[in-house]
Amino acid sequence: PGKIYAFQVRARTAVGYGPYSGKMYFQTLTGGERSEMVQDRLPLIVGSALGGLAFLVIAAIAILAIIFK
């Protein structure tokens, strides 16, 4: 937790490798930040799950209506 990593990427094509990109630095989360992020995203997760469930229920009703019509 809390480590900093540097990344460089380059493309590979049929003619070979391209140049490396500039360095990009990323830091991993600490233990406390992770739990806060989950709590911040909880409403989004629950809302997405309920939206998916509502879609499945409506699709099932539509399919049943078409079958029994």
C-alpha atoms as a PDB file:
ATOM      1  CA  PRO A   1       0.000   0.000   0.000  1.00  0.00           C
ATOM      2  CA  GLY A   2       1.146   3.516  -0.817  1.00  0.00           C
ATOM      3  CA  LYS A   3       3.846   2.433  -3.299  1.00  0.00           C
ATOM      4  CA  ILE A   4       4.730   4.580  -6.319  1.00  0.00           C
ATOM      5  CA  TYR A   5       5.218   2.865  -9.682  1.00  0.00           C
ATOM      6  CA  ALA A   6       6.571   4.306 -12.940  1.00  0.00           C
ATOM      7  CA  PHE A   7       5.375   2.982 -16.294  1.00  0.00           C
ATOM      8  CA  GLN A   8       6.576   3.433 -19.843  1.00  0.00           C
ATOM      9  CA  VAL A   9       4.899   1.941 -22.882  1.00  0.00           C
ATOM     10  CA  ARG A  10       5.810   1.509 -26.524  1.00  0.00           C
ATOM     11  CA  ALA A  11       4.043   0.167 -29.569  1.00  0.00           C
ATOM     12  CA  ARG A  12       5.053  -2.907 -31.528  1.00  0.00           C
ATOM     13  CA  THR A  13       4.193  -3.001 -35.226  1.00  0.00           C
ATOM     14  CA  ALA A  14       5.127  -5.186 -38.155  1.00  0.00           C
ATOM     15  CA  VAL A  15       8.279  -3.112 -38.682  1.00  0.00           C
ATOM     16  CA  GLY A  16       9.396  -3.307 -35.058  1.00  0.00           C
ATOM     17  CA  TYR A  17       9.134  -1.418 -31.811  1.00  0.00           C
ATOM     18  CA  GLY A  18       8.445   2.301 -31.500  1.00  0.00           C
ATOM     19  CA  PRO A  19      10.005   4.675 -28.978  1.00  0.00           C
ATOM     20  CA  TYR A  20       9.107   4.555 -25.290  1.00  0.00           C
ATOM     21  CA  SER A  21       6.562   7.028 -23.977  1.00  0.00           C
ATOM     22  CA  GLY A  22       7.318   9.428 -21.173  1.00  0.00           C
ATOM     23  CA  LYS A  23       7.195   8.032 -17.653  1.00  0.00           C
ATOM     24  CA  MET A  24       3.795   7.924 -15.973  1.00  0.00           C
ATOM     25  CA  TYR A  25       3.719   7.650 -12.196  1.00  0.00           C
ATOM     26  CA  PHE A  26       0.944   5.977 -10.213  1.00  0.00           C
ATOM     27  CA  GLN A  27       0.561   5.438  -6.504  1.00  0.00           C
ATOM     28  CA  THR A  28      -1.335   2.554  -4.961  1.00  0.00           C
ATOM     29  CA  LEU A  29      -3.928   3.261  -2.310  1.00  0.00           C
ATOM     30  CA  THR A  30      -3.256   2.975   1.360  1.00  0.00           C
ATOM     31  CA  GLY A  31      -5.473   0.670   3.418  1.00  0.00           C
ATOM     32  CA  GLY A  32      -7.700   3.458   4.740  1.00  0.00           C
ATOM     33  CA  GLU A  33      -8.271   5.055   1.349  1.00  0.00           C
ATOM     34  CA  ARG A  34      -9.600   1.809  -0.061  1.00  0.00           C
ATOM     35  CA  SER A  35     -12.363   1.463   2.504  1.00  0.00           C
ATOM     36  CA  GLU A  36     -13.356   5.107   2.014  1.00  0.00           C
ATOM     37  CA  MET A  37     -13.552   4.601  -1.759  1.00  0.00           C
ATOM     38  CA  VAL A  38     -15.826   1.597  -1.363  1.00  0.00           C
ATOM     39  CA  GLN A  39     -18.134   3.585   0.911  1.00  0.00           C
ATOM     40  CA  ASP A  40     -18.168   6.472  -1.584  1.00  0.00           C
ATOM     41  CA  ARG A  41     -19.069   4.131  -4.448  1.00  0.00           C
ATOM     42  CA  LEU A  42     -21.671   2.097  -2.562  1.00  0.00           C
ATOM     43  CA  PRO A  43     -24.661   4.151  -3.808  1.00  0.00           C
ATOM     44  CA  LEU A  44     -23.419   3.770  -7.388  1.00  0.00           C
ATOM     45  CA  ILE A  45     -23.021   0.007  -6.968  1.00  0.00           C
ATOM     46  CA  VAL A  46     -26.459  -0.419  -5.387  1.00  0.00           C
ATOM     47  CA  GLY A  47     -28.107   1.822  -7.990  1.00  0.00           C
ATOM     48  CA  SER A  48     -26.486  -0.080 -10.834  1.00  0.00           C
ATOM     49  CA  ALA A  49     -27.552  -3.417  -9.375  1.00  0.00           C
ATOM     50  CA  LEU A  50     -31.140  -2.231  -8.924  1.00  0.00           C
ATOM     51  CA  GLY A  51     -31.195  -0.804 -12.463  1.00  0.00           C
ATOM     52  CA  GLY A  52     -29.980  -4.126 -13.857  1.00  0.00           C
ATOM     53  CA  LEU A  53     -32.575  -6.006 -11.839  1.00  0.00           C
ATOM     54  CA  ALA A  54     -35.336  -3.679 -13.064  1.00  0.00           C
ATOM     55  CA  PHE A  55     -34.210  -4.247 -16.662  1.00  0.00           C
ATOM     56  CA  LEU A  56     -34.336  -8.029 -16.202  1.00  0.00           C
ATOM     57  CA  VAL A  57     -37.817  -7.874 -14.647  1.00  0.00           C
ATOM     58  CA  ILE A  58     -39.161  -5.688 -17.462  1.00  0.00           C
ATOM     59  CA  ALA A  59     -37.567  -7.955 -20.084  1.00  0.00           C
ATOM     60  CA  ALA A  60     -39.090 -11.044 -18.430  1.00  0.00           C
ATOM     61  CA  ILE A  61     -42.535  -9.412 -18.354  1.00  0.00           C
ATOM     62  CA  ALA A  62     -42.244  -8.436 -22.023  1.00  0.00           C
ATOM     63  CA  ILE A  63     -41.170 -11.957 -23.015  1.00  0.00           C
ATOM     64  CA  LEU A  64     -43.992 -13.535 -21.037  1.00  0.00           C
ATOM     65  CA  ALA A  65     -46.485 -11.101 -22.591  1.00  0.00           C
ATOM     66  CA  ILE A  66     -45.311 -12.036 -26.076  1.00  0.00           C
ATOM     67  CA  ILE A  67     -45.400 -15.785 -25.346  1.00  0.00           C
ATOM     68  CA  PHE A  68     -48.885 -15.809 -23.788  1.00  0.00           C
ATOM     69  CA  LYS A  69     -50.464 -13.278 -26.159  1.00  0.00           C
END
